[in-house]
Amino acid sequence: MYAAEAMQYKRFNFSSLLRQSGKVLKEIELGYDVLLERRDGADMILTEASKEVGMRESLQTAARLITATLGQPDTEHAILERTVEQLPWLGFLPEENRLEFLREFAQTAAGVVETGAVEPLVRLEQDWMASARIYSDPKTRSVFMGPVKVEREYLRRAGPVEA
């Protein structure tokens, strides 16, 4: 299952593309993205090149808009409020971490557009969501953010720390 379930995919087995390419391509011409489901590898999406280019350009614009609003005290607070409305999990993070997320997201999104490698943006969002989960649960938070107790015996066996 894919996170963007709101997108209109037409689903085909990869073998359908090989046997009935005209049928599959017709769906793309009608404006649908085609999700090719594969048994022996990762699923693939076929779409028109102009749509992909438009998505990349829009991501670049979004990154620039986020960057433009950050650092301006009058807009920073407003964007943080609106961002939490759109991404409720951000509300679990302290405000300074929300700002850090937005800055990192904008910078990474710009890099994704230039390189075509979307994985860094996906990883960034997953990492920040994991942090939000930690902040949201007091027990987990105390484990990860509380004081660390180190036994003296461990320190003795570990030896001196070199700088």
N, C-alpha and C. Protein backbone atom coordinates (compact mmCIF):
# COMPACT_ATOMS: atom_id res chain seq x y z
N MET A 1 0.84 -1.18 0.00
CA MET A 1 0.00 0.00 0.00
C MET A 1 0.89 1.24 0.00
N TYR A 2 0.45 2.27 -0.67
CA TYR A 2 1.25 3.47 -0.82
C TYR A 2 0.62 4.63 -0.06
N ALA A 3 1.49 5.51 0.46
CA ALA A 3 1.04 6.62 1.30
C ALA A 3 0.12 7.57 0.53
N ALA A 4 0.37 7.76 -0.73
CA ALA A 4 -0.41 8.71 -1.52
C ALA A 4 -1.60 8.00 -2.17
N GLU A 5 -2.44 7.37 -1.36
CA GLU A 5 -3.57 6.62 -1.89
C GLU A 5 -4.58 7.53 -2.58
N ALA A 6 -4.52 8.82 -2.31
CA ALA A 6 -5.44 9.74 -2.96
C ALA A 6 -5.13 9.88 -4.45
N MET A 7 -3.90 9.54 -4.83
CA MET A 7 -3.54 9.62 -6.25
C MET A 7 -4.31 8.58 -7.04
N GLN A 8 -4.64 8.91 -8.26
CA GLN A 8 -5.39 8.01 -9.12
C GLN A 8 -4.44 7.13 -9.93
N TYR A 9 -4.19 5.94 -9.42
CA TYR A 9 -3.36 4.97 -10.13
C TYR A 9 -4.26 3.97 -10.85
N LYS A 10 -3.84 3.59 -12.00
CA LYS A 10 -4.41 2.41 -12.65
C LYS A 10 -3.38 1.32 -12.42
N ARG A 11 -3.81 0.20 -11.90
CA ARG A 11 -2.90 -0.88 -11.53
C ARG A 11 -2.88 -1.96 -12.61
N PHE A 12 -1.68 -2.35 -12.95
CA PHE A 12 -1.48 -3.44 -13.91
C PHE A 12 -0.32 -4.30 -13.42
N ASN A 13 -0.37 -5.57 -13.77
CA ASN A 13 0.80 -6.42 -13.57
C ASN A 13 1.82 -6.03 -14.63
N PHE A 14 3.08 -6.21 -14.30
CA PHE A 14 4.14 -5.87 -15.25
C PHE A 14 3.96 -6.65 -16.55
N SER A 15 3.51 -7.88 -16.43
CA SER A 15 3.31 -8.69 -17.64
C SER A 15 2.23 -8.10 -18.55
N SER A 16 1.27 -7.35 -18.00
CA SER A 16 0.26 -6.69 -18.82
C SER A 16 0.88 -5.64 -19.73
N LEU A 17 1.90 -4.97 -19.23
CA LEU A 17 2.61 -3.99 -20.05
C LEU A 17 3.26 -4.69 -21.23
N LEU A 18 3.81 -5.84 -20.98
CA LEU A 18 4.49 -6.58 -22.06
C LEU A 18 3.49 -7.14 -23.07
N ARG A 19 2.34 -7.63 -22.59
CA ARG A 19 1.35 -8.26 -23.48
C ARG A 19 0.39 -7.26 -24.11
N GLN A 20 0.02 -6.20 -23.37
CA GLN A 20 -1.00 -5.25 -23.82
C GLN A 20 -0.53 -3.82 -23.62
N SER A 21 0.60 -3.49 -24.20
CA SER A 21 1.18 -2.16 -23.96
C SER A 21 0.24 -1.04 -24.39
N GLY A 22 -0.52 -1.25 -25.45
CA GLY A 22 -1.45 -0.21 -25.91
C GLY A 22 -2.49 0.13 -24.87
N LYS A 23 -3.02 -0.88 -24.20
CA LYS A 23 -4.03 -0.66 -23.15
C LYS A 23 -3.43 0.11 -21.98
N VAL A 24 -2.23 -0.26 -21.60
CA VAL A 24 -1.56 0.40 -20.48
C VAL A 24 -1.24 1.84 -20.85
N LEU A 25 -0.69 2.06 -22.01
CA LEU A 25 -0.32 3.42 -22.44
C LEU A 25 -1.55 4.31 -22.63
N LYS A 26 -2.67 3.73 -23.00
CA LYS A 26 -3.91 4.51 -23.16
C LYS A 26 -4.32 5.15 -21.82
N GLU A 27 -4.14 4.41 -20.73
CA GLU A 27 -4.47 4.95 -19.41
C GLU A 27 -3.60 6.16 -19.08
N ILE A 28 -2.34 6.09 -19.47
CA ILE A 28 -1.44 7.23 -19.24
C ILE A 28 -1.89 8.42 -20.08
N GLU A 29 -2.27 8.17 -21.32
CA GLU A 29 -2.75 9.25 -22.20
C GLU A 29 -4.03 9.87 -21.67
N LEU A 30 -4.83 9.11 -20.92
CA LEU A 30 -6.05 9.64 -20.31
C LEU A 30 -5.77 10.43 -19.03
N GLY A 31 -4.49 10.51 -18.65
CA GLY A 31 -4.11 11.32 -17.48
C GLY A 31 -3.85 10.54 -16.21
N TYR A 32 -3.95 9.22 -16.26
CA TYR A 32 -3.68 8.41 -15.08
C TYR A 32 -2.20 8.06 -15.00
N ASP A 33 -1.73 7.86 -13.78
CA ASP A 33 -0.44 7.24 -13.58
C ASP A 33 -0.70 5.74 -13.50
N VAL A 34 0.22 4.97 -14.01
CA VAL A 34 0.07 3.52 -14.00
C VAL A 34 1.05 2.92 -13.00
N LEU A 35 0.50 2.13 -12.09
CA LEU A 35 1.31 1.41 -11.12
C LEU A 35 1.51 0.00 -11.66
N LEU A 36 2.75 -0.32 -11.97
CA LEU A 36 3.09 -1.65 -12.45
C LEU A 36 3.52 -2.49 -11.26
N GLU A 37 2.74 -3.51 -10.97
CA GLU A 37 3.02 -4.39 -9.84
C GLU A 37 3.89 -5.54 -10.34
N ARG A 38 5.00 -5.74 -9.65
CA ARG A 38 5.95 -6.77 -10.06
C ARG A 38 6.08 -7.82 -8.96
N ARG A 39 6.23 -9.07 -9.38
CA ARG A 39 6.43 -10.16 -8.41
C ARG A 39 7.88 -10.24 -7.97
N ASP A 40 8.79 -9.91 -8.85
CA ASP A 40 10.21 -10.14 -8.58
C ASP A 40 11.02 -8.87 -8.36
N GLY A 41 10.34 -7.79 -8.04
CA GLY A 41 11.06 -6.55 -7.81
C GLY A 41 10.13 -5.46 -7.32
N ALA A 42 10.68 -4.29 -7.16
CA ALA A 42 9.90 -3.15 -6.68
C ALA A 42 8.87 -2.75 -7.73
N ASP A 43 7.70 -2.32 -7.27
CA ASP A 43 6.68 -1.81 -8.18
C ASP A 43 7.22 -0.56 -8.87
N MET A 44 6.64 -0.24 -10.02
CA MET A 44 7.07 0.93 -10.79
C MET A 44 5.87 1.76 -11.16
N ILE A 45 6.10 3.05 -11.36
CA ILE A 45 5.04 3.95 -11.79
C ILE A 45 5.43 4.53 -13.14
N LEU A 46 4.48 4.46 -14.06
CA LEU A 46 4.67 5.09 -15.37
C LEU A 46 3.80 6.34 -15.41
N THR A 47 4.36 7.42 -15.89
CA THR A 47 3.63 8.67 -16.00
C THR A 47 4.21 9.45 -17.17
N GLU A 48 3.49 10.48 -17.61
CA GLU A 48 4.02 11.32 -18.68
C GLU A 48 5.20 12.14 -18.15
N ALA A 49 6.20 12.32 -18.99
CA ALA A 49 7.40 13.06 -18.58
C ALA A 49 7.05 14.48 -18.14
N SER A 50 6.11 15.12 -18.82
CA SER A 50 5.75 16.50 -18.46
C SER A 50 5.17 16.57 -17.05
N LYS A 51 4.47 15.53 -16.64
CA LYS A 51 3.91 15.49 -15.28
C LYS A 51 5.03 15.37 -14.25
N GLU A 52 6.01 14.53 -14.53
CA GLU A 52 7.14 14.36 -13.62
C GLU A 52 7.96 15.64 -13.51
N VAL A 53 8.21 16.27 -14.65
CA VAL A 53 8.95 17.54 -14.64
C VAL A 53 8.18 18.59 -13.85
N GLY A 54 6.88 18.64 -14.04
CA GLY A 54 6.05 19.59 -13.28
C GLY A 54 6.09 19.34 -11.79
N MET A 55 6.10 18.07 -11.40
CA MET A 55 6.17 17.74 -9.97
C MET A 55 7.51 18.19 -9.39
N ARG A 56 8.59 17.97 -10.13
CA ARG A 56 9.91 18.39 -9.64
C ARG A 56 9.99 19.91 -9.52
N GLU A 57 9.47 20.61 -10.51
CA GLU A 57 9.49 22.08 -10.47
C GLU A 57 8.64 22.58 -9.30
N SER A 58 7.51 21.95 -9.07
CA SER A 58 6.64 22.35 -7.96
C SER A 58 7.31 22.09 -6.61
N LEU A 59 8.02 20.98 -6.49
CA LEU A 59 8.75 20.69 -5.26
C LEU A 59 9.83 21.75 -5.02
N GLN A 60 10.50 22.15 -6.08
CA GLN A 60 11.53 23.21 -5.98
C GLN A 60 10.89 24.52 -5.52
N THR A 61 9.75 24.85 -6.08
CA THR A 61 9.04 26.07 -5.68
C THR A 61 8.62 26.00 -4.22
N ALA A 62 8.09 24.86 -3.80
CA ALA A 62 7.68 24.69 -2.40
C ALA A 62 8.87 24.86 -1.47
N ALA A 63 10.00 24.29 -1.84
CA ALA A 63 11.21 24.42 -1.02
C ALA A 63 11.62 25.89 -0.92
N ARG A 64 11.55 26.59 -2.00
CA ARG A 64 11.92 28.02 -1.98
C ARG A 64 10.95 28.84 -1.15
N LEU A 65 9.66 28.52 -1.23
CA LEU A 65 8.66 29.25 -0.44
C LEU A 65 8.87 29.02 1.05
N ILE A 66 9.16 27.79 1.43
CA ILE A 66 9.42 27.50 2.85
C ILE A 66 10.64 28.28 3.31
N THR A 67 11.69 28.23 2.53
CA THR A 67 12.92 28.94 2.89
C THR A 67 12.68 30.45 3.01
N ALA A 68 11.87 30.98 2.10
CA ALA A 68 11.59 32.42 2.11
C ALA A 68 10.83 32.86 3.36
N THR A 69 9.98 32.00 3.90
CA THR A 69 9.20 32.39 5.07
C THR A 69 9.93 32.18 6.38
N LEU A 70 10.93 31.32 6.38
CA LEU A 70 11.68 31.08 7.62
C LEU A 70 12.67 32.20 7.84
N GLY A 71 12.94 32.49 9.09
CA GLY A 71 13.86 33.56 9.43
C GLY A 71 13.17 34.91 9.55
N GLN A 72 11.90 34.96 9.20
CA GLN A 72 11.10 36.18 9.34
C GLN A 72 10.18 35.98 10.54
N PRO A 73 10.46 36.66 11.66
CA PRO A 73 9.69 36.41 12.88
C PRO A 73 8.17 36.51 12.70
N ASP A 74 7.72 37.44 11.89
CA ASP A 74 6.27 37.61 11.72
C ASP A 74 5.63 36.45 10.97
N THR A 75 6.36 35.81 10.09
CA THR A 75 5.79 34.68 9.33
C THR A 75 6.14 33.33 9.92
N GLU A 76 7.24 33.25 10.66
CA GLU A 76 7.68 31.97 11.22
C GLU A 76 6.62 31.34 12.11
N HIS A 77 6.05 32.14 13.00
CA HIS A 77 5.04 31.62 13.92
C HIS A 77 3.82 31.14 13.14
N ALA A 78 3.41 31.90 12.16
CA ALA A 78 2.23 31.53 11.38
C ALA A 78 2.46 30.24 10.59
N ILE A 79 3.63 30.11 10.00
CA ILE A 79 3.90 28.90 9.22
C ILE A 79 3.99 27.68 10.13
N LEU A 80 4.52 27.86 11.33
CA LEU A 80 4.57 26.74 12.27
C LEU A 80 3.17 26.27 12.66
N GLU A 81 2.28 27.21 12.91
CA GLU A 81 0.90 26.85 13.25
C GLU A 81 0.23 26.11 12.10
N ARG A 82 0.37 26.64 10.90
CA ARG A 82 -0.26 26.03 9.72
C ARG A 82 0.37 24.67 9.42
N THR A 83 1.65 24.54 9.63
CA THR A 83 2.32 23.27 9.36
C THR A 83 1.80 22.19 10.30
N VAL A 84 1.60 22.52 11.56
CA VAL A 84 1.08 21.55 12.51
C VAL A 84 -0.35 21.16 12.14
N GLU A 85 -1.11 22.09 11.59
CA GLU A 85 -2.46 21.74 11.13
C GLU A 85 -2.41 20.73 9.99
N GLN A 86 -1.44 20.88 9.12
CA GLN A 86 -1.32 19.99 7.96
C GLN A 86 -0.58 18.69 8.27
N LEU A 87 0.38 18.76 9.17
CA LEU A 87 1.16 17.59 9.59
C LEU A 87 1.07 17.50 11.11
N PRO A 88 -0.02 16.96 11.64
CA PRO A 88 -0.24 16.98 13.09
C PRO A 88 0.88 16.37 13.91
N TRP A 89 1.61 15.42 13.38
CA TRP A 89 2.70 14.80 14.14
C TRP A 89 3.77 15.81 14.51
N LEU A 90 3.90 16.91 13.77
CA LEU A 90 4.89 17.94 14.12
C LEU A 90 4.58 18.59 15.46
N GLY A 91 3.32 18.56 15.87
CA GLY A 91 2.93 19.15 17.14
C GLY A 91 3.58 18.50 18.35
N PHE A 92 4.07 17.28 18.19
CA PHE A 92 4.75 16.61 19.30
C PHE A 92 6.17 17.11 19.49
N LEU A 93 6.72 17.75 18.49
CA LEU A 93 8.09 18.26 18.57
C LEU A 93 8.11 19.63 19.24
N PRO A 94 9.17 19.95 19.96
CA PRO A 94 9.34 21.32 20.47
C PRO A 94 9.41 22.30 19.29
N GLU A 95 9.01 23.53 19.52
CA GLU A 95 8.94 24.52 18.45
C GLU A 95 10.26 24.67 17.70
N GLU A 96 11.38 24.70 18.43
CA GLU A 96 12.67 24.87 17.75
C GLU A 96 12.98 23.68 16.83
N ASN A 97 12.49 22.49 17.20
CA ASN A 97 12.69 21.32 16.34
C ASN A 97 11.80 21.38 15.11
N ARG A 98 10.61 21.96 15.26
CA ARG A 98 9.73 22.12 14.09
C ARG A 98 10.38 23.03 13.06
N LEU A 99 10.99 24.12 13.55
CA LEU A 99 11.70 25.02 12.64
C LEU A 99 12.87 24.32 11.96
N GLU A 100 13.59 23.53 12.75
CA GLU A 100 14.72 22.79 12.19
C GLU A 100 14.24 21.81 11.11
N PHE A 101 13.11 21.13 11.38
CA PHE A 101 12.54 20.22 10.38
C PHE A 101 12.23 20.97 9.09
N LEU A 102 11.57 22.12 9.20
CA LEU A 102 11.19 22.88 8.00
C LEU A 102 12.42 23.32 7.21
N ARG A 103 13.45 23.77 7.91
CA ARG A 103 14.68 24.18 7.22
C ARG A 103 15.32 22.99 6.50
N GLU A 104 15.44 21.87 7.21
CA GLU A 104 16.03 20.68 6.62
C GLU A 104 15.19 20.15 5.47
N PHE A 105 13.87 20.21 5.62
CA PHE A 105 12.98 19.73 4.56
C PHE A 105 13.17 20.57 3.29
N ALA A 106 13.19 21.89 3.46
CA ALA A 106 13.36 22.77 2.30
C ALA A 106 14.70 22.53 1.62
N GLN A 107 15.75 22.43 2.39
CA GLN A 107 17.09 22.22 1.82
C GLN A 107 17.17 20.86 1.13
N THR A 108 16.63 19.83 1.76
CA THR A 108 16.68 18.50 1.17
C THR A 108 15.81 18.41 -0.07
N ALA A 109 14.64 19.04 -0.03
CA ALA A 109 13.76 19.04 -1.21
C ALA A 109 14.44 19.68 -2.40
N ALA A 110 15.15 20.77 -2.16
CA ALA A 110 15.89 21.42 -3.26
C ALA A 110 16.95 20.47 -3.82
N GLY A 111 17.62 19.74 -2.94
CA GLY A 111 18.63 18.78 -3.39
C GLY A 111 18.02 17.63 -4.16
N VAL A 112 16.84 17.20 -3.75
CA VAL A 112 16.15 16.11 -4.44
C VAL A 112 15.84 16.50 -5.88
N VAL A 113 15.39 17.73 -6.05
CA VAL A 113 15.06 18.19 -7.40
C VAL A 113 16.31 18.19 -8.27
N GLU A 114 17.42 18.62 -7.72
CA GLU A 114 18.66 18.70 -8.50
C GLU A 114 19.24 17.33 -8.82
N THR A 115 19.11 16.38 -7.89
CA THR A 115 19.74 15.07 -8.10
C THR A 115 18.80 14.00 -8.62
N GLY A 116 17.51 14.18 -8.38
CA GLY A 116 16.54 13.16 -8.77
C GLY A 116 16.44 12.01 -7.78
N ALA A 117 17.22 12.05 -6.71
CA ALA A 117 17.20 11.00 -5.69
C ALA A 117 16.26 11.42 -4.56
N VAL A 118 15.09 10.80 -4.50
CA VAL A 118 14.07 11.18 -3.53
C VAL A 118 14.30 10.55 -2.15
N GLU A 119 15.14 9.53 -2.07
CA GLU A 119 15.36 8.82 -0.82
C GLU A 119 15.77 9.72 0.35
N PRO A 120 16.65 10.71 0.14
CA PRO A 120 17.01 11.56 1.29
C PRO A 120 15.81 12.30 1.90
N LEU A 121 14.86 12.70 1.07
CA LEU A 121 13.69 13.41 1.59
C LEU A 121 12.77 12.44 2.34
N VAL A 122 12.60 11.26 1.82
CA VAL A 122 11.79 10.23 2.49
C VAL A 122 12.42 9.89 3.84
N ARG A 123 13.72 9.68 3.85
CA ARG A 123 14.44 9.34 5.09
C ARG A 123 14.34 10.47 6.11
N LEU A 124 14.47 11.72 5.64
CA LEU A 124 14.37 12.87 6.53
C LEU A 124 13.02 12.90 7.23
N GLU A 125 11.96 12.74 6.46
CA GLU A 125 10.62 12.77 7.05
C GLU A 125 10.42 11.59 8.02
N GLN A 126 10.88 10.42 7.65
CA GLN A 126 10.76 9.26 8.53
C GLN A 126 11.52 9.48 9.84
N ASP A 127 12.72 10.04 9.74
CA ASP A 127 13.52 10.30 10.95
C ASP A 127 12.84 11.30 11.87
N TRP A 128 12.29 12.36 11.30
CA TRP A 128 11.61 13.36 12.11
C TRP A 128 10.32 12.79 12.71
N MET A 129 9.62 11.94 11.96
CA MET A 129 8.42 11.30 12.52
C MET A 129 8.80 10.40 13.70
N ALA A 130 9.92 9.70 13.59
CA ALA A 130 10.38 8.86 14.69
C ALA A 130 10.67 9.72 15.93
N SER A 131 11.27 10.89 15.71
CA SER A 131 11.52 11.80 16.83
C SER A 131 10.21 12.26 17.46
N ALA A 132 9.23 12.55 16.62
CA ALA A 132 7.92 12.97 17.14
C ALA A 132 7.28 11.87 17.97
N ARG A 133 7.44 10.62 17.54
CA ARG A 133 6.91 9.49 18.31
C ARG A 133 7.58 9.43 19.69
N ILE A 134 8.87 9.68 19.73
CA ILE A 134 9.59 9.66 21.01
C ILE A 134 9.07 10.77 21.91
N TYR A 135 8.91 11.97 21.37
CA TYR A 135 8.40 13.09 22.17
C TYR A 135 6.96 12.84 22.63
N SER A 136 6.18 12.10 21.85
CA SER A 136 4.76 11.92 22.16
C SER A 136 4.52 10.94 23.31
N ASP A 137 5.46 10.06 23.57
CA ASP A 137 5.27 9.03 24.59
C ASP A 137 6.22 9.29 25.76
N PRO A 138 5.69 9.64 26.92
CA PRO A 138 6.55 9.97 28.06
C PRO A 138 7.52 8.85 28.45
N LYS A 139 7.08 7.59 28.38
CA LYS A 139 7.97 6.49 28.75
C LYS A 139 9.14 6.39 27.77
N THR A 140 8.83 6.40 26.50
CA THR A 140 9.88 6.31 25.49
C THR A 140 10.78 7.53 25.57
N ARG A 141 10.20 8.67 25.78
CA ARG A 141 10.97 9.91 25.88
C ARG A 141 11.97 9.85 27.04
N SER A 142 11.52 9.31 28.18
CA SER A 142 12.43 9.24 29.33
C SER A 142 13.59 8.28 29.07
N VAL A 143 13.35 7.23 28.27
CA VAL A 143 14.41 6.29 27.94
C VAL A 143 15.45 6.96 27.05
N PHE A 144 14.97 7.67 26.02
CA PHE A 144 15.89 8.25 25.05
C PHE A 144 16.47 9.60 25.47
N MET A 145 15.74 10.33 26.31
CA MET A 145 16.17 11.69 26.62
C MET A 145 16.52 11.89 28.08
N GLY A 146 16.36 10.85 28.88
CA GLY A 146 16.69 10.96 30.29
C GLY A 146 18.17 10.76 30.51
N PRO A 147 18.60 10.89 31.75
CA PRO A 147 20.00 10.67 32.06
C PRO A 147 20.39 9.21 31.80
N VAL A 148 21.61 9.04 31.40
CA VAL A 148 22.13 7.70 31.11
C VAL A 148 22.93 7.24 32.32
N LYS A 149 22.59 6.06 32.82
CA LYS A 149 23.29 5.51 33.96
C LYS A 149 24.34 4.53 33.44
N VAL A 150 25.58 4.80 33.74
CA VAL A 150 26.68 3.93 33.31
C VAL A 150 27.30 3.32 34.56
N GLU A 151 27.36 2.03 34.56
CA GLU A 151 27.93 1.32 35.71
C GLU A 151 29.44 1.56 35.78
N ARG A 152 29.96 1.71 37.01
CA ARG A 152 31.39 1.93 37.20
C ARG A 152 32.22 0.78 36.61
N GLU A 153 31.74 -0.44 36.76
CA GLU A 153 32.47 -1.61 36.25
C GLU A 153 32.65 -1.49 34.74
N TYR A 154 31.63 -1.01 34.04
CA TYR A 154 31.73 -0.83 32.59
C TYR A 154 32.79 0.22 32.26
N LEU A 155 32.78 1.31 33.00
CA LEU A 155 33.77 2.37 32.76
C LEU A 155 35.19 1.87 33.01
N ARG A 156 35.35 1.06 34.06
CA ARG A 156 36.67 0.52 34.37
C ARG A 156 37.15 -0.37 33.23
N ARG A 157 36.27 -1.24 32.71
CA ARG A 157 36.65 -2.15 31.62
C ARG A 157 36.86 -1.39 30.32
N ALA A 158 36.13 -0.33 30.10
CA ALA A 158 36.23 0.41 28.83
C ALA A 158 37.55 1.16 28.75
N GLY A 159 38.09 1.55 29.86
CA GLY A 159 39.36 2.26 29.85
C GLY A 159 39.18 3.74 29.57
N PRO A 160 40.30 4.46 29.52
CA PRO A 160 40.24 5.90 29.30
C PRO A 160 39.76 6.24 27.88
N VAL A 161 39.11 7.36 27.77
CA VAL A 161 38.62 7.84 26.48
C VAL A 161 39.64 8.81 25.92
N GLU A 162 40.05 8.54 24.68
CA GLU A 162 41.02 9.44 24.04
C GLU A 162 40.30 10.53 23.29
N ALA A 163 40.86 11.72 23.35
CA ALA A 163 40.22 12.86 22.69
C ALA A 163 40.63 12.92 21.23
